[in-house]
Amino acid sequence: MAGTLYVVATPIGNLADITQRAIQVLKDVDLIACEDTRHTRKLLQHFGINTKTVSYHEHNEDTRSKALIEQLTEGRNIAVVSDAGTPNISDPGFRIVNAALEKEILVVSVPGPSALITALTVSGLPTDEFFFAGFLPGRSTARQTRLHELNHIPGTLIFYEAPHRLAATLKDAREILGERHAVVARELTKLHEDIRRGRLGDLARHYSDIENPRGEIVVLIDRTRLDKDSAISVRAIDSLVTQYELQGLDHRAALKKAARELGISRAEAYRQLLAERARS
């Protein structure tokens, strides 16, 4: 009988954030596949876990996945962990999960910390719709192209970013996306946690003046531009909804279509529509 593959989330900083279930699973499995065995060993030692570990990272993911699948088919239980947070979210895990599913091996999630969700919940930006884009390209031209592609996403944009590219990314985002509210969250749950909120332009200038912002970084950008030239007209929402209703759509479908055309979420369009009609 085949074993089980566990996808186990680990703390992004504060070790107390690990779940009791994660500790038990890491103790019970036959093998832990780690992004960095030295890093994970510190976590395991802290909780008195003596399970054998093996490296599993972006450079050996293809070959290592095959070897791990063989062990799973032989009945061993294996846990996959990344250095911090949830595996498979901008971290290794995708290949072995899919290989296991192809072999009809049971894959079980042991949920827990995730930097993008942690940052979103304290950002003050809309949480009803969001889009996680992982890491943006390192080169400015490719990064700007990607930002153009994301320009009309009707939700809060979330990225991971390296410290040495932070200022350039914020500058490109201001240029391509326009002025928006944004948040830079660094070292979440760690001793030197820092969450800075402001406009993209202000944040870009701030981090341009800091030689080496350090740590793991999450960048969040509001879906709504603040520029006067691109401000969304609530009257336009009212007019569009009325227009689509006259064309035969029900109110919900008309509102959804109007929101899509204006590049905002349906929830935001609904709020603005109610506010406009209340003033009429």
C-alpha atoms as a PDB file:
ATOM      1  CA  MET A   1       0.000   0.000   0.000  1.00  0.00           C
ATOM      2  CA  ALA A   2       1.364   3.417  -0.994  1.00  0.00           C
ATOM      3  CA  GLY A   3       2.312   5.951   1.619  1.00  0.00           C
ATOM      4  CA  THR A   4       1.035   9.496   2.018  1.00  0.00           C
ATOM      5  CA  LEU A   5       2.637  12.736   0.907  1.00  0.00           C
ATOM      6  CA  TYR A   6       2.118  15.545   3.430  1.00  0.00           C
ATOM      7  CA  VAL A   7       2.522  19.179   2.390  1.00  0.00           C
ATOM      8  CA  VAL A   8       3.412  20.825   5.697  1.00  0.00           C
ATOM      9  CA  ALA A   9       3.455  24.574   6.395  1.00  0.00           C
ATOM     10  CA  THR A  10       6.124  25.808   8.813  1.00  0.00           C
ATOM     11  CA  PRO A  11       6.622  29.184  10.544  1.00  0.00           C
ATOM     12  CA  ILE A  12       7.666  32.206   8.499  1.00  0.00           C
ATOM     13  CA  GLY A  13       9.446  33.634  11.527  1.00  0.00           C
ATOM     14  CA  ASN A  14       7.993  33.086  14.965  1.00  0.00           C
ATOM     15  CA  LEU A  15       8.427  29.392  15.809  1.00  0.00           C
ATOM     16  CA  ALA A  16       5.341  29.459  18.027  1.00  0.00           C
ATOM     17  CA  ASP A  17       3.215  29.714  14.871  1.00  0.00           C
ATOM     18  CA  ILE A  18       3.727  26.053  13.996  1.00  0.00           C
ATOM     19  CA  THR A  19       0.601  23.937  14.500  1.00  0.00           C
ATOM     20  CA  GLN A  20       0.376  20.946  16.795  1.00  0.00           C
ATOM     21  CA  ARG A  21      -0.680  18.868  13.827  1.00  0.00           C
ATOM     22  CA  ALA A  22       2.416  19.888  11.862  1.00  0.00           C
ATOM     23  CA  ILE A  23       4.681  18.859  14.753  1.00  0.00           C
ATOM     24  CA  GLN A  24       2.972  15.479  15.021  1.00  0.00           C
ATOM     25  CA  VAL A  25       3.125  14.803  11.283  1.00  0.00           C
ATOM     26  CA  LEU A  26       6.818  15.714  11.138  1.00  0.00           C
ATOM     27  CA  LYS A  27       7.461  13.282  13.990  1.00  0.00           C
ATOM     28  CA  ASP A  28       5.426  10.463  12.457  1.00  0.00           C
ATOM     29  CA  VAL A  29       6.559  10.466   8.817  1.00  0.00           C
ATOM     30  CA  ASP A  30       9.452   8.349   7.589  1.00  0.00           C
ATOM     31  CA  LEU A  31      11.208  11.195   5.780  1.00  0.00           C
ATOM     32  CA  ILE A  32      11.095  14.996   5.528  1.00  0.00           C
ATOM     33  CA  ALA A  33      11.991  16.569   2.177  1.00  0.00           C
ATOM     34  CA  CYS A  34      13.426  20.026   2.929  1.00  0.00           C
ATOM     35  CA  GLU A  35      14.287  23.032   0.821  1.00  0.00           C
ATOM     36  CA  ASP A  36      17.403  23.419   3.007  1.00  0.00           C
ATOM     37  CA  THR A  37      18.139  20.585   5.418  1.00  0.00           C
ATOM     38  CA  ARG A  38      20.349  22.787   7.612  1.00  0.00           C
ATOM     39  CA  HIS A  39      17.601  25.380   7.994  1.00  0.00           C
ATOM     40  CA  THR A  40      14.890  22.831   8.710  1.00  0.00           C
ATOM     41  CA  ARG A  41      17.093  20.921  11.143  1.00  0.00           C
ATOM     42  CA  LYS A  42      17.074  23.967  13.460  1.00  0.00           C
ATOM     43  CA  LEU A  43      13.265  23.866  13.489  1.00  0.00           C
ATOM     44  CA  LEU A  44      13.190  20.125  14.091  1.00  0.00           C
ATOM     45  CA  GLN A  45      15.702  20.324  16.919  1.00  0.00           C
ATOM     46  CA  HIS A  46      13.673  23.073  18.583  1.00  0.00           C
ATOM     47  CA  PHE A  47      10.657  20.760  18.757  1.00  0.00           C
ATOM     48  CA  GLY A  48      12.577  17.561  19.487  1.00  0.00           C
ATOM     49  CA  ILE A  49      11.871  15.977  16.092  1.00  0.00           C
ATOM     50  CA  ASN A  50      14.402  13.369  14.978  1.00  0.00           C
ATOM     51  CA  THR A  51      12.945  12.350  11.611  1.00  0.00           C
ATOM     52  CA  LYS A  52      15.430  11.816   8.791  1.00  0.00           C
ATOM     53  CA  THR A  53      15.694  14.656   6.245  1.00  0.00           C
ATOM     54  CA  VAL A  54      16.653  14.920   2.586  1.00  0.00           C
ATOM     55  CA  SER A  55      17.181  17.976   0.386  1.00  0.00           C
ATOM     56  CA  TYR A  56      14.426  18.947  -2.045  1.00  0.00           C
ATOM     57  CA  HIS A  57      14.915  22.310  -3.755  1.00  0.00           C
ATOM     58  CA  GLU A  58      14.540  24.022  -7.118  1.00  0.00           C
ATOM     59  CA  HIS A  59      17.854  22.666  -8.443  1.00  0.00           C
ATOM     60  CA  ASN A  60      17.168  18.979  -7.750  1.00  0.00           C
ATOM     61  CA  GLU A  61      13.376  18.948  -7.811  1.00  0.00           C
ATOM     62  CA  ASP A  62      13.066  16.868 -10.988  1.00  0.00           C
ATOM     63  CA  THR A  63      15.412  14.055  -9.981  1.00  0.00           C
ATOM     64  CA  ARG A  64      14.542  14.105  -6.295  1.00  0.00           C
ATOM     65  CA  SER A  65      10.810  13.906  -7.008  1.00  0.00           C
ATOM     66  CA  LYS A  66      11.282  10.603  -8.840  1.00  0.00           C
ATOM     67  CA  ALA A  67      13.235   9.096  -5.956  1.00  0.00           C
ATOM     68  CA  LEU A  68      10.680  10.295  -3.410  1.00  0.00           C
ATOM     69  CA  ILE A  69       7.791   8.916  -5.460  1.00  0.00           C
ATOM     70  CA  GLU A  70       9.486   5.518  -5.459  1.00  0.00           C
ATOM     71  CA  GLN A  71       9.633   5.596  -1.680  1.00  0.00           C
ATOM     72  CA  LEU A  72       5.992   6.652  -1.464  1.00  0.00           C
ATOM     73  CA  THR A  73       4.928   3.765  -3.702  1.00  0.00           C
ATOM     74  CA  GLU A  74       6.812   1.417  -1.377  1.00  0.00           C
ATOM     75  CA  GLY A  75       4.654   2.581   1.513  1.00  0.00           C
ATOM     76  CA  ARG A  76       6.750   5.261   3.190  1.00  0.00           C
ATOM     77  CA  ASN A  77       5.137   8.480   4.391  1.00  0.00           C
ATOM     78  CA  ILE A  78       6.928  11.683   3.401  1.00  0.00           C
ATOM     79  CA  ALA A  79       6.487  15.323   4.424  1.00  0.00           C
ATOM     80  CA  VAL A  80       7.526  18.230   2.204  1.00  0.00           C
ATOM     81  CA  VAL A  81       8.513  21.507   3.860  1.00  0.00           C
ATOM     82  CA  SER A  82      10.022  24.744   2.598  1.00  0.00           C
ATOM     83  CA  ASP A  83      12.359  27.039   4.499  1.00  0.00           C
ATOM     84  CA  ALA A  84       9.375  29.072   5.681  1.00  0.00           C
ATOM     85  CA  GLY A  85       5.648  29.121   5.087  1.00  0.00           C
ATOM     86  CA  THR A  86       3.646  26.859   2.815  1.00  0.00           C
ATOM     87  CA  PRO A  87       5.397  24.638   0.233  1.00  0.00           C
ATOM     88  CA  ASN A  88       4.355  25.058  -3.391  1.00  0.00           C
ATOM     89  CA  ILE A  89       3.678  28.803  -2.934  1.00  0.00           C
ATOM     90  CA  SER A  90       6.696  30.294  -4.747  1.00  0.00           C
ATOM     91  CA  ASP A  91       8.638  27.398  -3.198  1.00  0.00           C
ATOM     92  CA  PRO A  92       9.389  23.802  -4.261  1.00  0.00           C
ATOM     93  CA  GLY A  93       6.552  21.294  -4.099  1.00  0.00           C
ATOM     94  CA  PHE A  94       4.679  21.505  -7.391  1.00  0.00           C
ATOM     95  CA  ARG A  95       6.452  18.643  -9.150  1.00  0.00           C
ATOM     96  CA  ILE A  96       6.252  16.091  -6.372  1.00  0.00           C
ATOM     97  CA  VAL A  97       2.595  16.887  -5.653  1.00  0.00           C
ATOM     98  CA  ASN A  98       1.666  16.390  -9.292  1.00  0.00           C
ATOM     99  CA  ALA A  99       3.816  13.274  -9.624  1.00  0.00           C
ATOM    100  CA  ALA A 100       2.123  11.806  -6.551  1.00  0.00           C
ATOM    101  CA  LEU A 101      -1.337  12.575  -7.896  1.00  0.00           C
ATOM    102  CA  GLU A 102      -0.467  10.927 -11.202  1.00  0.00           C
ATOM    103  CA  LYS A 103       0.427   7.776  -9.244  1.00  0.00           C
ATOM    104  CA  GLU A 104      -2.815   8.084  -7.253  1.00  0.00           C
ATOM    105  CA  ILE A 105      -0.828   8.611  -4.054  1.00  0.00           C
ATOM    106  CA  LEU A 106      -2.707  10.403  -1.317  1.00  0.00           C
ATOM    107  CA  VAL A 107      -1.613  14.031  -0.878  1.00  0.00           C
ATOM    108  CA  VAL A 108      -2.585  15.735   2.392  1.00  0.00           C
ATOM    109  CA  SER A 109      -2.220  19.415   3.268  1.00  0.00           C
ATOM    110  CA  VAL A 110      -1.174  20.386   6.775  1.00  0.00           C
ATOM    111  CA  PRO A 111      -2.012  24.100   6.587  1.00  0.00           C
ATOM    112  CA  GLY A 112      -0.370  26.903   8.470  1.00  0.00           C
ATOM    113  CA  PRO A 113       1.589  30.133   7.957  1.00  0.00           C
ATOM    114  CA  SER A 114       1.793  31.881   4.590  1.00  0.00           C
ATOM    115  CA  ALA A 115       3.550  35.220   4.131  1.00  0.00           C
ATOM    116  CA  LEU A 116       1.139  36.482   1.494  1.00  0.00           C
ATOM    117  CA  ILE A 117      -1.955  35.856   3.650  1.00  0.00           C
ATOM    118  CA  THR A 118      -0.251  37.216   6.762  1.00  0.00           C
ATOM    119  CA  ALA A 119       0.621  40.427   4.929  1.00  0.00           C
ATOM    120  CA  LEU A 120      -2.806  40.787   3.336  1.00  0.00           C
ATOM    121  CA  THR A 121      -4.706  40.501   6.611  1.00  0.00           C
ATOM    122  CA  VAL A 122      -2.848  43.436   8.197  1.00  0.00           C
ATOM    123  CA  SER A 123      -2.350  45.550   5.064  1.00  0.00           C
ATOM    124  CA  GLY A 124      -5.530  47.591   5.278  1.00  0.00           C
ATOM    125  CA  LEU A 125      -6.088  46.951   1.565  1.00  0.00           C
ATOM    126  CA  PRO A 126      -9.221  45.217   0.180  1.00  0.00           C
ATOM    127  CA  THR A 127      -9.256  41.484   0.904  1.00  0.00           C
ATOM    128  CA  ASP A 128     -12.408  40.430  -0.946  1.00  0.00           C
ATOM    129  CA  GLU A 129     -10.422  39.849  -4.146  1.00  0.00           C
ATOM    130  CA  PHE A 130      -6.654  39.546  -4.533  1.00  0.00           C
ATOM    131  CA  PHE A 131      -4.127  38.226  -7.038  1.00  0.00           C
ATOM    132  CA  PHE A 132      -0.815  36.671  -5.991  1.00  0.00           C
ATOM    133  CA  ALA A 133       1.808  37.037  -8.721  1.00  0.00           C
ATOM    134  CA  GLY A 134       4.802  35.488  -6.966  1.00  0.00           C
ATOM    135  CA  PHE A 135       8.116  37.148  -7.843  1.00  0.00           C
ATOM    136  CA  LEU A 136       8.179  39.732 -10.618  1.00  0.00           C
ATOM    137  CA  PRO A 137      10.949  39.404 -13.246  1.00  0.00           C
ATOM    138  CA  GLY A 138      14.336  40.706 -12.187  1.00  0.00           C
ATOM    139  CA  ARG A 139      14.987  42.781 -15.312  1.00  0.00           C
ATOM    140  CA  SER A 140      13.168  46.095 -15.549  1.00  0.00           C
ATOM    141  CA  THR A 141      11.840  45.618 -19.100  1.00  0.00           C
ATOM    142  CA  ALA A 142      10.357  42.211 -18.328  1.00  0.00           C
ATOM    143  CA  ARG A 143       9.036  43.476 -14.999  1.00  0.00           C
ATOM    144  CA  GLN A 144       7.269  46.397 -16.671  1.00  0.00           C
ATOM    145  CA  THR A 145       5.746  44.052 -19.252  1.00  0.00           C
ATOM    146  CA  ARG A 146       4.393  41.858 -16.467  1.00  0.00           C
ATOM    147  CA  LEU A 147       2.993  44.870 -14.625  1.00  0.00           C
ATOM    148  CA  HIS A 148       1.202  45.958 -17.802  1.00  0.00           C
ATOM    149  CA  GLU A 149      -0.420  42.507 -17.893  1.00  0.00           C
ATOM    150  CA  LEU A 150      -1.599  42.928 -14.300  1.00  0.00           C
ATOM    151  CA  ASN A 151      -2.780  46.508 -14.678  1.00  0.00           C
ATOM    152  CA  HIS A 152      -6.493  45.726 -14.965  1.00  0.00           C
ATOM    153  CA  ILE A 153      -6.743  42.927 -12.399  1.00  0.00           C
ATOM    154  CA  PRO A 154      -9.740  43.926 -10.218  1.00  0.00           C
ATOM    155  CA  GLY A 155      -8.155  42.948  -6.920  1.00  0.00           C
ATOM    156  CA  THR A 156      -5.305  43.693  -4.534  1.00  0.00           C
ATOM    157  CA  LEU A 157      -1.995  42.696  -6.140  1.00  0.00           C
ATOM    158  CA  ILE A 158       0.505  40.760  -4.027  1.00  0.00           C
ATOM    159  CA  PHE A 159       4.155  40.037  -4.850  1.00  0.00           C
ATOM    160  CA  TYR A 160       7.228  38.651  -3.157  1.00  0.00           C
ATOM    161  CA  GLU A 161      10.341  40.735  -3.748  1.00  0.00           C
ATOM    162  CA  ALA A 162      14.064  40.618  -3.056  1.00  0.00           C
ATOM    163  CA  PRO A 163      15.520  43.481  -0.974  1.00  0.00           C
ATOM    164  CA  HIS A 164      17.928  44.686  -3.666  1.00  0.00           C
ATOM    165  CA  ARG A 165      15.095  45.033  -6.219  1.00  0.00           C
ATOM    166  CA  LEU A 166      12.474  46.592  -3.949  1.00  0.00           C
ATOM    167  CA  ALA A 167      12.990  50.263  -4.853  1.00  0.00           C
ATOM    168  CA  ALA A 168      13.121  49.530  -8.593  1.00  0.00           C
ATOM    169  CA  THR A 169       9.977  47.409  -8.407  1.00  0.00           C
ATOM    170  CA  LEU A 170       8.050  50.114  -6.560  1.00  0.00           C
ATOM    171  CA  LYS A 171       9.212  52.701  -9.092  1.00  0.00           C
ATOM    172  CA  ASP A 172       8.144  50.523 -12.034  1.00  0.00           C
ATOM    173  CA  ALA A 173       4.806  49.813 -10.363  1.00  0.00           C
ATOM    174  CA  ARG A 174       4.169  53.552  -9.911  1.00  0.00           C
ATOM    175  CA  GLU A 175       5.022  54.177 -13.566  1.00  0.00           C
ATOM    176  CA  ILE A 176       2.913  51.335 -14.996  1.00  0.00           C
ATOM    177  CA  LEU A 177       0.030  51.023 -12.549  1.00  0.00           C
ATOM    178  CA  GLY A 178      -0.292  54.678 -11.629  1.00  0.00           C
ATOM    179  CA  GLU A 179      -0.385  56.101  -8.135  1.00  0.00           C
ATOM    180  CA  ARG A 180      -2.009  53.648  -5.730  1.00  0.00           C
ATOM    181  CA  HIS A 181      -2.019  52.847  -2.054  1.00  0.00           C
ATOM    182  CA  ALA A 182       0.526  50.119  -1.299  1.00  0.00           C
ATOM    183  CA  VAL A 183       2.136  48.232   1.555  1.00  0.00           C
ATOM    184  CA  VAL A 184       5.639  46.844   2.037  1.00  0.00           C
ATOM    185  CA  ALA A 185       5.740  44.125   4.699  1.00  0.00           C
ATOM    186  CA  ARG A 186       9.186  42.925   5.804  1.00  0.00           C
ATOM    187  CA  GLU A 187      10.282  40.208   8.216  1.00  0.00           C
ATOM    188  CA  LEU A 188       6.735  39.234   9.139  1.00  0.00           C
ATOM    189  CA  THR A 189       6.346  37.664  12.626  1.00  0.00           C
ATOM    190  CA  LYS A 190      10.078  38.162  13.248  1.00  0.00           C
ATOM    191  CA  LEU A 191      11.801  40.406  15.793  1.00  0.00           C
ATOM    192  CA  HIS A 192      12.316  43.249  13.309  1.00  0.00           C
ATOM    193  CA  GLU A 193       8.935  43.057  11.587  1.00  0.00           C
ATOM    194  CA  ASP A 194       8.242  46.240   9.637  1.00  0.00           C
ATOM    195  CA  ILE A 195       5.021  47.141   7.809  1.00  0.00           C
ATOM    196  CA  ARG A 196       5.083  50.411   5.893  1.00  0.00           C
ATOM    197  CA  ARG A 197       1.954  51.796   4.239  1.00  0.00           C
ATOM    198  CA  GLY A 198       1.709  54.670   1.769  1.00  0.00           C
ATOM    199  CA  ARG A 199       1.460  55.651  -1.867  1.00  0.00           C
ATOM    200  CA  LEU A 200       3.604  53.821  -4.395  1.00  0.00           C
ATOM    201  CA  GLY A 201       5.558  56.964  -5.214  1.00  0.00           C
ATOM    202  CA  ASP A 202       6.297  57.703  -1.569  1.00  0.00           C
ATOM    203  CA  LEU A 203       7.330  54.121  -0.868  1.00  0.00           C
ATOM    204  CA  ALA A 204       9.585  54.066  -3.941  1.00  0.00           C
ATOM    205  CA  ARG A 205      11.351  57.223  -2.727  1.00  0.00           C
ATOM    206  CA  HIS A 206      11.635  55.883   0.805  1.00  0.00           C
ATOM    207  CA  TYR A 207      13.306  52.623  -0.191  1.00  0.00           C
ATOM    208  CA  SER A 208      15.518  54.377  -2.750  1.00  0.00           C
ATOM    209  CA  ASP A 209      17.032  56.236   0.209  1.00  0.00           C
ATOM    210  CA  ILE A 210      17.683  53.039   2.175  1.00  0.00           C
ATOM    211  CA  GLU A 211      20.820  51.312   0.925  1.00  0.00           C
ATOM    212  CA  ASN A 212      19.956  47.769   1.954  1.00  0.00           C
ATOM    213  CA  PRO A 213      16.424  47.025   3.134  1.00  0.00           C
ATOM    214  CA  ARG A 214      16.736  43.532   4.562  1.00  0.00           C
ATOM    215  CA  GLY A 215      14.628  40.441   5.027  1.00  0.00           C
ATOM    216  CA  GLU A 216      11.766  38.634   3.358  1.00  0.00           C
ATOM    217  CA  ILE A 217       9.485  41.130   1.640  1.00  0.00           C
ATOM    218  CA  VAL A 218       5.844  41.131   0.557  1.00  0.00           C
ATOM    219  CA  VAL A 219       4.559  43.994  -1.604  1.00  0.00           C
ATOM    220  CA  LEU A 220       0.815  44.671  -1.794  1.00  0.00           C
ATOM    221  CA  ILE A 221      -0.802  47.190  -4.169  1.00  0.00           C
ATOM    222  CA  ASP A 222      -4.373  48.462  -4.083  1.00  0.00           C
ATOM    223  CA  ARG A 223      -6.579  47.808  -7.099  1.00  0.00           C
ATOM    224  CA  THR A 224      -7.735  51.428  -7.396  1.00  0.00           C
ATOM    225  CA  ARG A 225      -5.640  54.182  -8.941  1.00  0.00           C
ATOM    226  CA  LEU A 226      -5.525  57.533  -7.167  1.00  0.00           C
ATOM    227  CA  ASP A 227      -4.706  59.663 -10.229  1.00  0.00           C
ATOM    228  CA  LYS A 228      -7.433  62.131 -11.122  1.00  0.00           C
ATOM    229  CA  ASP A 229      -7.206  61.143 -14.792  1.00  0.00           C
ATOM    230  CA  SER A 230      -8.013  57.524 -13.967  1.00  0.00           C
ATOM    231  CA  ALA A 231     -10.491  58.034 -11.115  1.00  0.00           C
ATOM    232  CA  ILE A 232     -13.518  55.799 -11.405  1.00  0.00           C
ATOM    233  CA  SER A 233     -16.753  57.667 -11.868  1.00  0.00           C
ATOM    234  CA  VAL A 234     -19.588  56.364  -9.740  1.00  0.00           C
ATOM    235  CA  ARG A 235     -21.951  58.014 -12.168  1.00  0.00           C
ATOM    236  CA  ALA A 236     -20.397  55.840 -14.876  1.00  0.00           C
ATOM    237  CA  ILE A 237     -21.193  52.768 -12.786  1.00  0.00           C
ATOM    238  CA  ASP A 238     -24.817  53.831 -12.411  1.00  0.00           C
ATOM    239  CA  SER A 239     -25.117  54.571 -16.119  1.00  0.00           C
ATOM    240  CA  LEU A 240     -23.490  51.313 -17.179  1.00  0.00           C
ATOM    241  CA  VAL A 241     -25.637  49.206 -14.853  1.00  0.00           C
ATOM    242  CA  THR A 242     -28.803  50.910 -16.128  1.00  0.00           C
ATOM    243  CA  GLN A 243     -27.646  50.438 -19.720  1.00  0.00           C
ATOM    244  CA  TYR A 244     -27.031  46.715 -19.291  1.00  0.00           C
ATOM    245  CA  GLU A 245     -30.318  46.225 -17.454  1.00  0.00           C
ATOM    246  CA  LEU A 246     -32.124  47.836 -20.379  1.00  0.00           C
ATOM    247  CA  GLN A 247     -30.344  45.335 -22.623  1.00  0.00           C
ATOM    248  CA  GLY A 248     -31.984  42.506 -20.683  1.00  0.00           C
ATOM    249  CA  LEU A 249     -29.415  41.585 -18.018  1.00  0.00           C
ATOM    250  CA  ASP A 250     -30.584  41.155 -14.448  1.00  0.00           C
ATOM    251  CA  HIS A 251     -29.145  43.545 -11.860  1.00  0.00           C
ATOM    252  CA  ARG A 252     -26.428  41.172 -10.616  1.00  0.00           C
ATOM    253  CA  ALA A 253     -25.177  40.373 -14.123  1.00  0.00           C
ATOM    254  CA  ALA A 254     -25.332  44.054 -15.142  1.00  0.00           C
ATOM    255  CA  LEU A 255     -23.298  45.088 -12.100  1.00  0.00           C
ATOM    256  CA  LYS A 256     -20.718  42.379 -12.744  1.00  0.00           C
ATOM    257  CA  LYS A 257     -20.331  43.421 -16.386  1.00  0.00           C
ATOM    258  CA  ALA A 258     -20.020  47.114 -15.445  1.00  0.00           C
ATOM    259  CA  ALA A 259     -17.388  46.329 -12.828  1.00  0.00           C
ATOM    260  CA  ARG A 260     -15.377  44.276 -15.325  1.00  0.00           C
ATOM    261  CA  GLU A 261     -15.475  47.106 -17.856  1.00  0.00           C
ATOM    262  CA  LEU A 262     -14.251  49.636 -15.272  1.00  0.00           C
ATOM    263  CA  GLY A 263     -11.549  47.325 -13.941  1.00  0.00           C
ATOM    264  CA  ILE A 264     -12.854  47.078 -10.378  1.00  0.00           C
ATOM    265  CA  SER A 265     -14.397  44.293  -8.328  1.00  0.00           C
ATOM    266  CA  ARG A 266     -18.147  43.723  -8.271  1.00  0.00           C
ATOM    267  CA  ALA A 267     -18.170  44.379  -4.527  1.00  0.00           C
ATOM    268  CA  GLU A 268     -16.480  47.759  -5.006  1.00  0.00           C
ATOM    269  CA  ALA A 269     -18.830  48.646  -7.854  1.00  0.00           C
ATOM    270  CA  TYR A 270     -21.804  47.729  -5.678  1.00  0.00           C
ATOM    271  CA  ARG A 271     -20.622  49.929  -2.808  1.00  0.00           C
ATOM    272  CA  GLN A 272     -20.101  52.889  -5.093  1.00  0.00           C
ATOM    273  CA  LEU A 273     -23.418  52.344  -6.830  1.00  0.00           C
ATOM    274  CA  LEU A 274     -25.282  52.343  -3.512  1.00  0.00           C
ATOM    275  CA  ALA A 275     -23.464  55.501  -2.406  1.00  0.00           C
ATOM    276  CA  GLU A 276     -24.321  57.300  -5.656  1.00  0.00           C
ATOM    277  CA  ARG A 277     -27.970  56.287  -5.612  1.00  0.00           C
ATOM    278  CA  ALA A 278     -28.281  57.316  -1.973  1.00  0.00           C
ATOM    279  CA  ARG A 279     -27.175  60.818  -2.922  1.00  0.00           C
ATOM    280  CA  SER A 280     -29.596  61.004  -5.886  1.00  0.00           C
END
